[in-house]
Protein backbone atom coordinates (compact mmCIF):
# COMPACT_ATOMS: atom_id res chain seq x y z
CA MET A 1 106.73 48.54 98.20
CA ASP A 2 106.34 51.30 100.82
CA ASN A 3 103.76 49.56 103.13
CA ASN A 4 102.67 53.03 104.60
CA LYS A 5 102.05 54.50 101.44
CA ILE A 6 98.17 54.33 100.08
CA SER A 7 97.81 54.32 96.61
CA ASN A 8 96.59 53.70 93.10
CA PRO A 9 98.35 52.51 90.05
CA LYS A 10 99.63 55.62 87.98
CA THR A 11 98.57 56.68 85.10
CA GLU A 12 101.40 57.67 82.75
CA VAL A 13 101.09 60.67 80.95
CA PRO A 14 103.69 62.01 78.05
CA LYS A 15 106.75 63.58 78.68
CA GLY A 16 107.74 66.74 77.32
CA THR A 17 107.41 70.33 77.34
CA GLU A 18 103.61 70.16 75.74
CA LEU A 19 101.21 70.49 79.17
CA ASN A 20 99.01 66.60 79.82
CA ASP A 21 95.90 65.13 81.44
CA LYS A 22 98.06 65.71 84.94
CA ASP A 23 99.46 68.97 84.38
CA TYR A 24 95.81 70.35 83.36
CA LEU A 25 93.99 68.31 86.61
CA ASN A 26 97.02 69.75 88.81
CA ALA A 27 96.05 73.53 87.70
CA CYS A 28 92.55 73.17 88.36
CA LEU A 29 93.16 71.16 91.85
CA SER A 30 95.17 74.48 92.89
CA LEU A 31 92.75 76.91 91.44
CA LEU A 32 90.07 75.71 93.04
CA LYS A 33 92.03 75.07 96.73
CA GLU A 34 92.60 78.76 96.23
CA MET A 35 88.98 79.20 95.66
CA GLU A 36 88.25 77.66 98.11
CA LYS A 37 90.36 79.35 101.21
CA ASN A 38 88.97 83.24 99.35
CA TYR A 39 85.47 81.97 99.95
CA THR A 40 85.89 81.06 103.76
CA VAL A 41 87.08 84.79 103.96
CA ALA A 42 84.20 86.26 102.39
CA LEU A 43 82.09 84.00 104.36
CA THR A 44 83.46 85.05 107.48
CA GLU A 45 83.43 89.04 106.08
CA ALA A 46 79.74 88.69 104.48
CA SER A 47 77.51 91.75 105.38
CA ASN A 48 74.14 90.67 105.36
CA GLU A 49 72.44 86.88 105.29
CA ASN A 50 71.35 86.85 101.56
CA LEU A 51 75.11 87.69 100.69
CA PHE A 52 76.13 84.94 103.09
CA ASN A 53 74.11 82.45 101.60
CA LYS A 54 75.14 82.96 98.41
CA TYR A 55 78.67 82.87 98.91
CA ASP A 56 77.62 79.65 101.12
CA THR A 57 76.45 77.90 98.28
CA VAL A 58 79.39 78.95 95.98
CA PHE A 59 81.86 77.72 98.26
CA ASN A 60 80.02 74.04 99.30
CA GLU A 61 79.86 73.64 95.13
CA ILE A 62 83.44 74.44 94.75
CA LYS A 63 84.43 72.22 98.09
CA SER A 64 82.74 69.53 95.80
CA LEU A 65 84.30 70.52 92.22
CA GLN A 66 87.96 70.37 94.94
CA ARG A 67 87.23 67.08 96.26
CA ASP A 68 86.09 65.79 93.11
CA THR A 69 89.09 66.44 91.35
CA PHE A 70 91.53 65.28 94.12
CA GLU A 71 89.82 62.10 94.40
CA LEU A 72 90.14 61.87 90.61
CA ALA A 73 93.84 62.48 90.71
CA PHE A 74 94.24 59.91 93.23
CA ARG A 75 92.46 56.98 91.21
CA LYS A 76 94.87 58.04 88.48
CA GLY A 77 97.64 57.07 90.74
CA TRP A 78 99.16 60.95 90.51
CA TYR A 79 98.76 61.43 94.57
CA SER A 80 99.34 59.18 97.14
CA LEU A 81 98.16 58.99 101.16
CA GLU A 82 100.34 57.82 104.28
CA LYS A 83 98.70 55.89 106.49
CA ALA A 84 99.00 57.09 109.99
CA GLU A 85 99.96 55.10 112.56
CA ALA A 86 96.95 54.36 115.78
CA ASN A 87 99.12 55.93 118.29
CA LYS A 88 100.12 59.15 115.89
CA ILE A 89 96.00 59.54 115.60
CA ASN A 90 95.03 59.24 119.47
CA GLN A 91 98.09 61.18 119.90
CA LYS A 92 96.87 64.31 118.07
CA LEU A 93 93.01 63.81 118.87
CA THR A 94 94.19 64.29 123.01
CA MET A 95 96.56 67.48 121.42
CA LEU A 96 92.98 68.68 120.33
CA ASN A 97 90.71 67.51 123.22
CA GLN A 98 93.14 69.55 125.11
CA GLU A 99 93.05 72.97 123.13
CA PHE A 100 89.26 72.32 122.49
CA ASP A 101 88.82 71.97 126.98
CA GLY A 102 90.99 75.39 127.30
CA LEU A 103 88.74 77.43 125.26
CA SER A 104 85.90 77.02 127.51
CA GLU A 105 88.20 78.00 130.61
């Protein structure tokens, strides 16, 4: 067992050429992630406040759906996460803080 992985027991799906629940869920997740990226661009290019607000509403709905879809796949054991070591987290935080501080110079 890999102690650096965070995962749930895998829900088995039928093997073969026909699509199964995992395939459908992965397709939905990919679509939602792509939509989220596209709405991010649309938000930055919205020409007026009303349009921005409509895009923002849809973006937030898509973002929630994407997160819920990922959480479902994670609960079914189809995704795993890797534990990050505390020193790697601190290194990344230090690097990001330095970059942020550099923006204000």
